[in-house]
Amino acid sequence: MGLTKILSDEHRVIEVVLDCLDKITEEANSVGKLNEESAVQAIDVIRTFADKCHHGKEENHLFATLVKKGMPQEGGPVGQMLVEHEQGRAFVKGMADSVVEAAAGNADALSKFTQNAHGYVQLLRAHIQKEDGVLFPMADKVLNEEDQKELMKAFEVVESDHMGAGTHEKYIGIVVSLAKQYRVETSHISSHSCGCGH
C-alpha cells in the first residue's frame, strides 16, 4: 500500500468521526444538552487517532521529508497544513472545555461546544480535500522509492512505539460503534489503514 494511500484511508475514518460530530451536535441542540459519553468518545478519537497518530505521521515524517526535498515550510501547502492542524487543536480544546457543562444543559456551554464542533468539522473537511487533492499527489511526485520506504518504516514506529500495539484497531472500533449509534455510513473505512503491516 502506498504511503499517501495510508494517510487517505485514515482520512476516511476521520470523515466518519466528523459526520458523527455533526449528529452529536444536532441531537444536543434538539434536546438541549450534550450526550457526554458520545462527545468524549469523539474528542478522544480526534485527539488520539486524528491528531497524535495521523497528524503525527504527517508533521514529524511526511511534511519534514517534503521540506527536506525542497518544499517550502512556510507559505506553501506544507505551511498551510501545519497552520490548519493548529487551528483544529484550538477547536478541539474549545469542545473539550465545554463538554461537562454542555452535558448538564448549560446553554452557553452547549453553544460553545456547537460552535467549536462546527468550526472543526468545516476546517477538517476542507483540509482533507486539500491534502487528498493537492498535497498528496505532489508528495507522490516528489518522493522516490527510498523516501517512501523510510517513511513507511517511520509510520510503523508511530503505530507500534508511539501509539502502542492494538491502538489503531481500538479507535477504528470506537468510530464504528459511534457511527452505528448515529446511523453514519462506514463502508468506506479500511480496518487496516495504518500502514503497520497487519
N, C-alpha and C. Protein backbone atom coordinates (compact mmCIF):
# COMPACT_ATOMS: atom_id res chain seq x y z
N MET A 1 0.85 -1.20 0.00
CA MET A 1 0.00 0.00 0.00
C MET A 1 0.88 1.24 0.00
N GLY A 2 0.57 2.20 -0.87
CA GLY A 2 1.36 3.42 -0.96
C GLY A 2 1.21 4.29 0.28
N LEU A 3 2.23 5.08 0.49
CA LEU A 3 2.30 5.95 1.67
C LEU A 3 1.12 6.90 1.78
N THR A 4 0.85 7.64 0.71
CA THR A 4 -0.25 8.61 0.77
C THR A 4 -1.60 7.91 0.79
N LYS A 5 -1.67 6.68 0.27
CA LYS A 5 -2.91 5.89 0.34
C LYS A 5 -3.24 5.58 1.81
N ILE A 6 -2.23 5.28 2.59
CA ILE A 6 -2.43 5.01 4.02
C ILE A 6 -3.06 6.24 4.69
N LEU A 7 -2.48 7.41 4.41
CA LEU A 7 -2.99 8.64 5.02
C LEU A 7 -4.40 8.96 4.51
N SER A 8 -4.65 8.71 3.23
CA SER A 8 -6.00 8.93 2.69
C SER A 8 -7.02 7.99 3.33
N ASP A 9 -6.61 6.74 3.55
CA ASP A 9 -7.51 5.79 4.23
C ASP A 9 -7.84 6.27 5.64
N GLU A 10 -6.84 6.83 6.31
CA GLU A 10 -7.08 7.39 7.64
C GLU A 10 -8.04 8.58 7.56
N HIS A 11 -7.96 9.34 6.49
CA HIS A 11 -8.91 10.45 6.27
C HIS A 11 -10.35 9.94 6.25
N ARG A 12 -10.55 8.77 5.65
CA ARG A 12 -11.91 8.23 5.57
C ARG A 12 -12.47 7.95 6.97
N VAL A 13 -11.60 7.49 7.86
CA VAL A 13 -12.01 7.25 9.25
C VAL A 13 -12.35 8.57 9.92
N ILE A 14 -11.50 9.57 9.72
CA ILE A 14 -11.71 10.89 10.33
C ILE A 14 -13.02 11.50 9.82
N GLU A 15 -13.32 11.31 8.55
CA GLU A 15 -14.57 11.85 7.99
C GLU A 15 -15.80 11.24 8.67
N VAL A 16 -15.72 9.96 9.04
CA VAL A 16 -16.83 9.33 9.76
C VAL A 16 -17.02 10.01 11.12
N VAL A 17 -15.90 10.30 11.79
CA VAL A 17 -15.97 10.99 13.09
C VAL A 17 -16.60 12.38 12.91
N LEU A 18 -16.25 13.07 11.83
CA LEU A 18 -16.82 14.39 11.56
C LEU A 18 -18.34 14.28 11.36
N ASP A 19 -18.76 13.25 10.62
CA ASP A 19 -20.20 13.03 10.43
C ASP A 19 -20.89 12.76 11.76
N CYS A 20 -20.24 11.96 12.61
CA CYS A 20 -20.80 11.67 13.95
C CYS A 20 -20.88 12.94 14.79
N LEU A 21 -19.86 13.77 14.70
CA LEU A 21 -19.83 15.03 15.46
C LEU A 21 -20.98 15.93 15.04
N ASP A 22 -21.26 15.96 13.74
CA ASP A 22 -22.43 16.71 13.24
C ASP A 22 -23.71 16.21 13.90
N LYS A 23 -23.85 14.87 13.95
CA LYS A 23 -25.07 14.27 14.52
C LYS A 23 -25.15 14.51 16.03
N ILE A 24 -24.00 14.45 16.69
CA ILE A 24 -23.95 14.67 18.15
C ILE A 24 -24.42 16.09 18.49
N THR A 25 -23.94 17.07 17.72
CA THR A 25 -24.34 18.46 17.99
C THR A 25 -25.80 18.70 17.61
N GLU A 26 -26.22 18.07 16.53
CA GLU A 26 -27.62 18.17 16.11
C GLU A 26 -28.56 17.64 17.21
N GLU A 27 -28.23 16.47 17.71
CA GLU A 27 -29.02 15.86 18.79
C GLU A 27 -29.00 16.74 20.05
N ALA A 28 -27.81 17.26 20.39
CA ALA A 28 -27.65 18.08 21.60
C ALA A 28 -28.51 19.34 21.53
N ASN A 29 -28.51 19.97 20.38
CA ASN A 29 -29.29 21.21 20.22
C ASN A 29 -30.79 20.92 20.17
N SER A 30 -31.13 19.72 19.75
CA SER A 30 -32.54 19.33 19.71
C SER A 30 -33.08 19.05 21.12
N VAL A 31 -32.27 18.39 21.96
CA VAL A 31 -32.75 18.04 23.31
C VAL A 31 -32.30 19.02 24.40
N GLY A 32 -31.39 19.94 24.03
CA GLY A 32 -30.97 20.96 24.99
C GLY A 32 -29.80 20.58 25.88
N LYS A 33 -29.23 19.40 25.63
CA LYS A 33 -28.00 19.05 26.35
C LYS A 33 -27.20 18.02 25.55
N LEU A 34 -25.92 18.00 25.83
CA LEU A 34 -24.98 17.16 25.08
C LEU A 34 -24.96 15.74 25.64
N ASN A 35 -24.82 14.75 24.74
CA ASN A 35 -24.56 13.38 25.17
C ASN A 35 -23.07 13.31 25.51
N GLU A 36 -22.80 13.34 26.81
CA GLU A 36 -21.40 13.46 27.27
C GLU A 36 -20.54 12.30 26.79
N GLU A 37 -21.07 11.08 26.92
CA GLU A 37 -20.28 9.90 26.55
C GLU A 37 -19.87 9.94 25.08
N SER A 38 -20.82 10.24 24.20
CA SER A 38 -20.53 10.30 22.76
C SER A 38 -19.54 11.41 22.44
N ALA A 39 -19.75 12.58 23.05
CA ALA A 39 -18.86 13.73 22.80
C ALA A 39 -17.44 13.42 23.26
N VAL A 40 -17.31 12.82 24.44
CA VAL A 40 -15.99 12.47 24.98
C VAL A 40 -15.30 11.44 24.08
N GLN A 41 -16.07 10.47 23.59
CA GLN A 41 -15.51 9.46 22.68
C GLN A 41 -15.01 10.12 21.39
N ALA A 42 -15.83 10.99 20.81
CA ALA A 42 -15.44 11.66 19.56
C ALA A 42 -14.17 12.49 19.76
N ILE A 43 -14.10 13.21 20.88
CA ILE A 43 -12.92 14.04 21.17
C ILE A 43 -11.69 13.16 21.37
N ASP A 44 -11.87 12.03 22.04
CA ASP A 44 -10.76 11.10 22.26
C ASP A 44 -10.24 10.56 20.92
N VAL A 45 -11.15 10.19 20.04
CA VAL A 45 -10.75 9.70 18.70
C VAL A 45 -9.98 10.80 17.96
N ILE A 46 -10.50 12.02 18.02
CA ILE A 46 -9.86 13.13 17.32
C ILE A 46 -8.45 13.38 17.88
N ARG A 47 -8.35 13.41 19.20
CA ARG A 47 -7.04 13.73 19.82
C ARG A 47 -6.04 12.60 19.65
N THR A 48 -6.50 11.35 19.72
CA THR A 48 -5.56 10.22 19.67
C THR A 48 -5.34 9.73 18.24
N PHE A 49 -6.43 9.40 17.55
CA PHE A 49 -6.30 8.84 16.20
C PHE A 49 -5.96 9.92 15.17
N ALA A 50 -6.78 10.99 15.15
CA ALA A 50 -6.60 12.02 14.10
C ALA A 50 -5.37 12.88 14.35
N ASP A 51 -5.16 13.28 15.60
CA ASP A 51 -4.07 14.24 15.85
C ASP A 51 -2.76 13.55 16.17
N LYS A 52 -2.74 12.79 17.27
CA LYS A 52 -1.47 12.18 17.70
C LYS A 52 -0.92 11.20 16.65
N CYS A 53 -1.79 10.34 16.13
CA CYS A 53 -1.33 9.32 15.18
C CYS A 53 -1.24 9.87 13.75
N HIS A 54 -2.38 10.28 13.19
CA HIS A 54 -2.41 10.71 11.78
C HIS A 54 -1.61 12.00 11.56
N HIS A 55 -1.93 13.06 12.30
CA HIS A 55 -1.18 14.31 12.13
C HIS A 55 0.27 14.15 12.58
N GLY A 56 0.50 13.24 13.53
CA GLY A 56 1.88 12.95 13.95
C GLY A 56 2.71 12.40 12.81
N LYS A 57 2.11 11.48 12.04
CA LYS A 57 2.81 10.93 10.86
C LYS A 57 3.10 12.04 9.85
N GLU A 58 2.11 12.89 9.64
CA GLU A 58 2.27 13.96 8.66
C GLU A 58 3.33 14.97 9.10
N GLU A 59 3.17 15.50 10.29
CA GLU A 59 4.04 16.59 10.75
C GLU A 59 5.49 16.14 10.96
N ASN A 60 5.65 15.01 11.68
CA ASN A 60 7.01 14.60 12.06
C ASN A 60 7.74 13.85 10.96
N HIS A 61 7.00 13.33 9.99
CA HIS A 61 7.65 12.48 8.99
C HIS A 61 7.40 12.96 7.55
N LEU A 62 6.14 12.90 7.08
CA LEU A 62 5.88 13.28 5.69
C LEU A 62 6.25 14.73 5.40
N PHE A 63 5.72 15.66 6.19
CA PHE A 63 5.97 17.08 5.93
C PHE A 63 7.45 17.40 6.06
N ALA A 64 8.09 16.84 7.10
CA ALA A 64 9.52 17.09 7.32
C ALA A 64 10.34 16.61 6.12
N THR A 65 9.95 15.46 5.56
CA THR A 65 10.66 14.93 4.39
C THR A 65 10.42 15.81 3.16
N LEU A 66 9.19 16.27 2.99
CA LEU A 66 8.87 17.13 1.84
C LEU A 66 9.66 18.44 1.91
N VAL A 67 9.82 18.97 3.12
CA VAL A 67 10.60 20.21 3.29
C VAL A 67 12.07 19.95 2.92
N LYS A 68 12.60 18.80 3.37
CA LYS A 68 13.98 18.41 3.02
C LYS A 68 14.15 18.29 1.50
N LYS A 69 13.07 17.85 0.83
CA LYS A 69 13.13 17.67 -0.63
C LYS A 69 12.91 18.99 -1.38
N GLY A 70 12.78 20.09 -0.63
CA GLY A 70 12.71 21.39 -1.30
C GLY A 70 11.39 22.12 -1.23
N MET A 71 10.35 21.50 -0.65
CA MET A 71 9.07 22.21 -0.49
C MET A 71 9.22 23.24 0.62
N PRO A 72 8.71 24.46 0.42
CA PRO A 72 8.85 25.46 1.49
C PRO A 72 8.04 25.09 2.73
N GLN A 73 8.63 25.34 3.90
CA GLN A 73 7.92 25.08 5.17
C GLN A 73 6.87 26.16 5.40
N GLU A 74 7.19 27.38 5.00
CA GLU A 74 6.26 28.50 5.18
C GLU A 74 5.60 28.83 3.85
N GLY A 75 4.32 29.17 3.92
CA GLY A 75 3.66 29.73 2.73
C GLY A 75 3.10 28.73 1.74
N GLY A 76 3.79 27.60 1.56
CA GLY A 76 3.31 26.61 0.59
C GLY A 76 2.28 25.68 1.22
N PRO A 77 1.97 24.58 0.53
CA PRO A 77 0.96 23.64 1.04
C PRO A 77 1.31 23.07 2.42
N VAL A 78 2.61 22.76 2.65
CA VAL A 78 3.01 22.21 3.95
C VAL A 78 2.72 23.21 5.06
N GLY A 79 3.11 24.46 4.85
CA GLY A 79 2.88 25.51 5.84
C GLY A 79 1.40 25.67 6.15
N GLN A 80 0.59 25.64 5.09
CA GLN A 80 -0.86 25.79 5.26
C GLN A 80 -1.46 24.64 6.07
N MET A 81 -1.00 23.42 5.80
CA MET A 81 -1.49 22.26 6.54
C MET A 81 -1.13 22.35 8.02
N LEU A 82 0.09 22.82 8.31
CA LEU A 82 0.53 22.95 9.70
C LEU A 82 -0.31 23.99 10.44
N VAL A 83 -0.60 25.10 9.77
CA VAL A 83 -1.46 26.14 10.37
C VAL A 83 -2.83 25.55 10.69
N GLU A 84 -3.38 24.79 9.75
CA GLU A 84 -4.71 24.22 9.94
C GLU A 84 -4.73 23.16 11.04
N HIS A 85 -3.64 22.41 11.20
CA HIS A 85 -3.57 21.46 12.31
C HIS A 85 -3.70 22.20 13.64
N GLU A 86 -3.00 23.35 13.75
CA GLU A 86 -3.07 24.14 14.99
C GLU A 86 -4.48 24.71 15.20
N GLN A 87 -5.08 25.19 14.14
CA GLN A 87 -6.46 25.70 14.25
C GLN A 87 -7.40 24.59 14.73
N GLY A 88 -7.20 23.40 14.20
CA GLY A 88 -8.01 22.24 14.60
C GLY A 88 -7.87 21.96 16.08
N ARG A 89 -6.63 22.02 16.58
CA ARG A 89 -6.39 21.76 18.01
C ARG A 89 -7.11 22.78 18.89
N ALA A 90 -7.17 24.01 18.44
CA ALA A 90 -7.87 25.06 19.20
C ALA A 90 -9.37 24.75 19.25
N PHE A 91 -9.95 24.33 18.13
CA PHE A 91 -11.38 23.95 18.12
C PHE A 91 -11.64 22.76 19.05
N VAL A 92 -10.75 21.79 19.04
CA VAL A 92 -10.93 20.59 19.88
C VAL A 92 -10.85 20.97 21.36
N LYS A 93 -9.92 21.86 21.70
CA LYS A 93 -9.82 22.32 23.09
C LYS A 93 -11.11 23.03 23.50
N GLY A 94 -11.66 23.84 22.59
CA GLY A 94 -12.93 24.51 22.87
C GLY A 94 -14.06 23.53 23.14
N MET A 95 -14.09 22.44 22.36
CA MET A 95 -15.10 21.40 22.59
C MET A 95 -14.88 20.74 23.95
N ALA A 96 -13.65 20.31 24.19
CA ALA A 96 -13.33 19.59 25.43
C ALA A 96 -13.63 20.43 26.67
N ASP A 97 -13.32 21.71 26.60
CA ASP A 97 -13.53 22.61 27.74
C ASP A 97 -14.99 22.80 28.09
N SER A 98 -15.88 22.57 27.14
CA SER A 98 -17.31 22.85 27.39
C SER A 98 -18.17 21.59 27.52
N VAL A 99 -17.57 20.40 27.43
CA VAL A 99 -18.34 19.15 27.43
C VAL A 99 -19.19 18.98 28.69
N VAL A 100 -18.56 19.09 29.85
CA VAL A 100 -19.26 18.76 31.11
C VAL A 100 -20.47 19.67 31.32
N GLU A 101 -20.25 20.97 31.14
CA GLU A 101 -21.36 21.92 31.35
C GLU A 101 -22.43 21.78 30.27
N ALA A 102 -22.00 21.51 29.03
CA ALA A 102 -22.97 21.31 27.94
C ALA A 102 -23.82 20.07 28.19
N ALA A 103 -23.20 19.05 28.79
CA ALA A 103 -23.93 17.82 29.12
C ALA A 103 -24.91 18.04 30.26
N ALA A 104 -24.61 19.05 31.10
CA ALA A 104 -25.51 19.38 32.22
C ALA A 104 -26.65 20.29 31.77
N GLY A 105 -26.63 20.69 30.49
CA GLY A 105 -27.72 21.51 29.96
C GLY A 105 -27.46 23.01 29.99
N ASN A 106 -26.20 23.40 30.27
CA ASN A 106 -25.84 24.83 30.26
C ASN A 106 -25.87 25.33 28.81
N ALA A 107 -26.74 26.30 28.54
CA ALA A 107 -26.96 26.77 27.16
C ALA A 107 -25.72 27.42 26.57
N ASP A 108 -25.00 28.20 27.38
CA ASP A 108 -23.78 28.86 26.88
C ASP A 108 -22.72 27.83 26.52
N ALA A 109 -22.57 26.84 27.39
CA ALA A 109 -21.58 25.78 27.14
C ALA A 109 -21.95 24.97 25.90
N LEU A 110 -23.24 24.72 25.74
CA LEU A 110 -23.70 23.97 24.56
C LEU A 110 -23.45 24.77 23.29
N SER A 111 -23.67 26.06 23.37
CA SER A 111 -23.40 26.94 22.23
C SER A 111 -21.90 26.94 21.90
N LYS A 112 -21.07 26.98 22.95
CA LYS A 112 -19.61 26.96 22.74
C LYS A 112 -19.17 25.64 22.12
N PHE A 113 -19.73 24.54 22.63
CA PHE A 113 -19.39 23.23 22.07
C PHE A 113 -19.78 23.17 20.60
N THR A 114 -21.01 23.61 20.31
CA THR A 114 -21.53 23.57 18.93
C THR A 114 -20.68 24.40 17.98
N GLN A 115 -20.33 25.61 18.40
CA GLN A 115 -19.52 26.49 17.54
C GLN A 115 -18.17 25.86 17.24
N ASN A 116 -17.53 25.31 18.29
CA ASN A 116 -16.22 24.69 18.08
C ASN A 116 -16.31 23.41 17.27
N ALA A 117 -17.38 22.64 17.48
CA ALA A 117 -17.58 21.41 16.69
C ALA A 117 -17.79 21.74 15.22
N HIS A 118 -18.65 22.73 14.95
CA HIS A 118 -18.90 23.14 13.56
C HIS A 118 -17.63 23.67 12.91
N GLY A 119 -16.89 24.49 13.68
CA GLY A 119 -15.62 25.03 13.16
C GLY A 119 -14.65 23.93 12.81
N TYR A 120 -14.54 22.94 13.69
CA TYR A 120 -13.62 21.82 13.47
C TYR A 120 -14.04 21.00 12.25
N VAL A 121 -15.32 20.68 12.18
CA VAL A 121 -15.82 19.85 11.07
C VAL A 121 -15.57 20.55 9.72
N GLN A 122 -15.90 21.83 9.63
CA GLN A 122 -15.70 22.58 8.37
C GLN A 122 -14.22 22.65 8.01
N LEU A 123 -13.39 22.96 9.01
CA LEU A 123 -11.94 23.06 8.78
C LEU A 123 -11.38 21.73 8.28
N LEU A 124 -11.72 20.65 8.98
CA LEU A 124 -11.13 19.35 8.64
C LEU A 124 -11.62 18.82 7.29
N ARG A 125 -12.88 19.05 6.98
CA ARG A 125 -13.37 18.57 5.66
C ARG A 125 -12.61 19.26 4.53
N ALA A 126 -12.43 20.57 4.65
CA ALA A 126 -11.68 21.31 3.62
C ALA A 126 -10.21 20.90 3.63
N HIS A 127 -9.66 20.70 4.82
CA HIS A 127 -8.26 20.31 5.00
C HIS A 127 -7.98 18.96 4.32
N ILE A 128 -8.87 18.02 4.56
CA ILE A 128 -8.72 16.68 3.97
C ILE A 128 -8.78 16.75 2.44
N GLN A 129 -9.67 17.56 1.91
CA GLN A 129 -9.76 17.73 0.45
C GLN A 129 -8.45 18.28 -0.12
N LYS A 130 -7.86 19.25 0.60
CA LYS A 130 -6.59 19.83 0.12
C LYS A 130 -5.47 18.81 0.16
N GLU A 131 -5.43 18.02 1.23
CA GLU A 131 -4.36 17.02 1.31
C GLU A 131 -4.54 15.94 0.25
N ASP A 132 -5.77 15.40 0.15
CA ASP A 132 -6.02 14.33 -0.83
C ASP A 132 -5.87 14.82 -2.27
N GLY A 133 -6.31 16.07 -2.51
CA GLY A 133 -6.35 16.57 -3.89
C GLY A 133 -5.11 17.31 -4.36
N VAL A 134 -4.36 17.88 -3.40
CA VAL A 134 -3.20 18.71 -3.80
C VAL A 134 -1.89 18.19 -3.21
N LEU A 135 -1.82 18.13 -1.87
CA LEU A 135 -0.54 17.82 -1.23
C LEU A 135 -0.08 16.38 -1.48
N PHE A 136 -0.99 15.41 -1.36
CA PHE A 136 -0.58 14.02 -1.54
C PHE A 136 -0.13 13.72 -2.97
N PRO A 137 -0.86 14.21 -4.00
CA PRO A 137 -0.34 14.00 -5.36
C PRO A 137 1.04 14.64 -5.57
N MET A 138 1.26 15.81 -4.95
CA MET A 138 2.59 16.44 -5.03
C MET A 138 3.63 15.55 -4.36
N ALA A 139 3.27 15.01 -3.18
CA ALA A 139 4.20 14.14 -2.45
C ALA A 139 4.55 12.90 -3.27
N ASP A 140 3.54 12.33 -3.95
CA ASP A 140 3.78 11.13 -4.77
C ASP A 140 4.80 11.40 -5.87
N LYS A 141 4.81 12.65 -6.36
CA LYS A 141 5.77 13.01 -7.42
C LYS A 141 7.16 13.28 -6.86
N VAL A 142 7.21 13.87 -5.67
CA VAL A 142 8.48 14.32 -5.08
C VAL A 142 9.25 13.18 -4.42
N LEU A 143 8.54 12.24 -3.80
CA LEU A 143 9.19 11.18 -3.02
C LEU A 143 9.61 10.02 -3.91
N ASN A 144 10.88 9.64 -3.81
CA ASN A 144 11.34 8.47 -4.57
C ASN A 144 11.09 7.20 -3.75
N GLU A 145 11.48 6.08 -4.33
CA GLU A 145 11.18 4.79 -3.68
C GLU A 145 11.85 4.68 -2.31
N GLU A 146 13.07 5.18 -2.21
CA GLU A 146 13.82 5.14 -0.94
C GLU A 146 13.12 5.98 0.12
N ASP A 147 12.68 7.18 -0.27
CA ASP A 147 11.93 8.06 0.65
C ASP A 147 10.68 7.34 1.17
N GLN A 148 9.98 6.70 0.23
CA GLN A 148 8.73 6.01 0.58
C GLN A 148 9.00 4.91 1.61
N LYS A 149 10.09 4.15 1.38
CA LYS A 149 10.44 3.06 2.30
C LYS A 149 10.77 3.61 3.69
N GLU A 150 11.57 4.66 3.72
CA GLU A 150 11.95 5.27 5.01
C GLU A 150 10.72 5.77 5.76
N LEU A 151 9.84 6.43 5.04
CA LEU A 151 8.62 6.96 5.67
C LEU A 151 7.71 5.83 6.15
N MET A 152 7.64 4.76 5.37
CA MET A 152 6.81 3.62 5.77
C MET A 152 7.33 3.04 7.09
N LYS A 153 8.66 2.95 7.22
CA LYS A 153 9.26 2.47 8.48
C LYS A 153 8.91 3.41 9.62
N ALA A 154 8.99 4.71 9.34
CA ALA A 154 8.68 5.71 10.37
C ALA A 154 7.21 5.61 10.80
N PHE A 155 6.32 5.37 9.84
CA PHE A 155 4.90 5.21 10.16
C PHE A 155 4.68 3.99 11.05
N GLU A 156 5.42 2.91 10.76
CA GLU A 156 5.30 1.70 11.57
C GLU A 156 5.73 1.96 13.01
N VAL A 157 6.77 2.79 13.18
CA VAL A 157 7.24 3.15 14.53
C VAL A 157 6.18 3.97 15.26
N VAL A 158 5.54 4.88 14.54
CA VAL A 158 4.45 5.66 15.16
C VAL A 158 3.38 4.72 15.68
N GLU A 159 2.99 3.75 14.86
CA GLU A 159 1.93 2.81 15.24
C GLU A 159 2.34 1.92 16.41
N SER A 160 3.56 1.34 16.33
CA SER A 160 3.96 0.34 17.33
C SER A 160 4.49 0.97 18.61
N ASP A 161 5.33 2.00 18.50
CA ASP A 161 6.01 2.55 19.67
C ASP A 161 5.27 3.75 20.27
N HIS A 162 4.88 4.71 19.42
CA HIS A 162 4.25 5.93 19.95
C HIS A 162 2.80 5.68 20.35
N MET A 163 2.08 4.89 19.55
CA MET A 163 0.66 4.65 19.83
C MET A 163 0.45 3.39 20.66
N GLY A 164 1.22 2.36 20.38
CA GLY A 164 1.07 1.08 21.09
C GLY A 164 0.27 0.08 20.27
N ALA A 165 0.67 -1.17 20.37
CA ALA A 165 0.02 -2.24 19.60
C ALA A 165 -1.47 -2.29 19.91
N GLY A 166 -2.26 -2.40 18.86
CA GLY A 166 -3.71 -2.53 19.02
C GLY A 166 -4.46 -1.21 19.15
N THR A 167 -3.73 -0.11 19.27
CA THR A 167 -4.40 1.19 19.46
C THR A 167 -5.21 1.57 18.23
N HIS A 168 -4.63 1.35 17.06
CA HIS A 168 -5.29 1.71 15.81
C HIS A 168 -6.64 0.98 15.71
N GLU A 169 -6.60 -0.34 15.95
CA GLU A 169 -7.83 -1.14 15.86
C GLU A 169 -8.85 -0.69 16.90
N LYS A 170 -8.36 -0.38 18.10
CA LYS A 170 -9.25 0.07 19.17
C LYS A 170 -10.04 1.31 18.73
N TYR A 171 -9.33 2.26 18.11
CA TYR A 171 -10.01 3.50 17.71
C TYR A 171 -10.92 3.32 16.50
N ILE A 172 -10.54 2.42 15.60
CA ILE A 172 -11.45 2.09 14.50
C ILE A 172 -12.75 1.53 15.08
N GLY A 173 -12.61 0.67 16.11
CA GLY A 173 -13.77 0.08 16.77
C GLY A 173 -14.67 1.14 17.40
N ILE A 174 -14.06 2.14 18.04
CA ILE A 174 -14.84 3.23 18.66
C ILE A 174 -15.58 4.02 17.59
N VAL A 175 -14.90 4.29 16.47
CA VAL A 175 -15.50 5.05 15.37
C VAL A 175 -16.70 4.28 14.80
N VAL A 176 -16.52 2.98 14.57
CA VAL A 176 -17.60 2.16 14.01
C VAL A 176 -18.80 2.13 14.97
N SER A 177 -18.51 2.02 16.27
CA SER A 177 -19.57 2.00 17.28
C SER A 177 -20.33 3.33 17.33
N LEU A 178 -19.60 4.43 17.30
CA LEU A 178 -20.24 5.76 17.27
C LEU A 178 -21.09 5.91 16.01
N ALA A 179 -20.53 5.45 14.89
CA ALA A 179 -21.23 5.56 13.61
C ALA A 179 -22.54 4.77 13.62
N LYS A 180 -22.51 3.61 14.25
CA LYS A 180 -23.71 2.78 14.37
C LYS A 180 -24.77 3.52 15.19
N GLN A 181 -24.31 4.09 16.30
CA GLN A 181 -25.21 4.82 17.20
C GLN A 181 -25.89 5.98 16.49
N TYR A 182 -25.13 6.68 15.62
CA TYR A 182 -25.66 7.88 14.96
C TYR A 182 -26.04 7.65 13.50
N ARG A 183 -26.10 6.36 13.11
CA ARG A 183 -26.50 5.98 11.74
C ARG A 183 -25.66 6.67 10.67
N VAL A 184 -24.36 6.56 10.84
CA VAL A 184 -23.41 7.14 9.87
C VAL A 184 -22.78 5.99 9.09
N GLU A 185 -22.66 6.17 7.79
CA GLU A 185 -22.13 5.14 6.87
C GLU A 185 -20.64 4.89 7.16
N THR A 186 -20.24 3.61 7.20
CA THR A 186 -18.83 3.28 7.47
C THR A 186 -18.22 2.34 6.43
N SER A 187 -18.94 2.07 5.34
CA SER A 187 -18.47 1.05 4.38
C SER A 187 -17.13 1.42 3.72
N HIS A 188 -16.78 2.71 3.70
CA HIS A 188 -15.54 3.13 3.04
C HIS A 188 -14.33 3.14 3.99
N ILE A 189 -14.55 2.70 5.25
CA ILE A 189 -13.43 2.62 6.20
C ILE A 189 -12.65 1.34 5.93
N SER A 190 -11.33 1.48 5.90
CA SER A 190 -10.47 0.32 5.80
C SER A 190 -9.91 0.02 7.19
N SER A 191 -10.11 -1.19 7.67
CA SER A 191 -9.67 -1.53 9.03
C SER A 191 -8.17 -1.66 9.14
N HIS A 192 -7.48 -1.69 8.01
CA HIS A 192 -6.00 -1.82 8.05
C HIS A 192 -5.33 -0.57 7.45
N SER A 193 -5.89 0.59 7.78
CA SER A 193 -5.41 1.81 7.12
C SER A 193 -4.28 2.50 7.88
N CYS A 194 -3.47 1.72 8.59
CA CYS A 194 -2.46 2.37 9.41
C CYS A 194 -1.04 2.17 8.90
N GLY A 195 -0.87 1.28 7.93
CA GLY A 195 0.47 1.08 7.40
C GLY A 195 1.39 0.31 8.32
N CYS A 196 0.83 -0.37 9.33
CA CYS A 196 1.70 -1.09 10.26
C CYS A 196 1.76 -2.57 9.93
N GLY A 197 1.34 -2.92 8.72
CA GLY A 197 1.61 -4.25 8.19
C GLY A 197 0.64 -5.34 8.58
N HIS A 198 -0.48 -5.00 9.25
CA HIS A 198 -1.43 -6.07 9.57
C HIS A 198 -2.64 -5.99 8.65
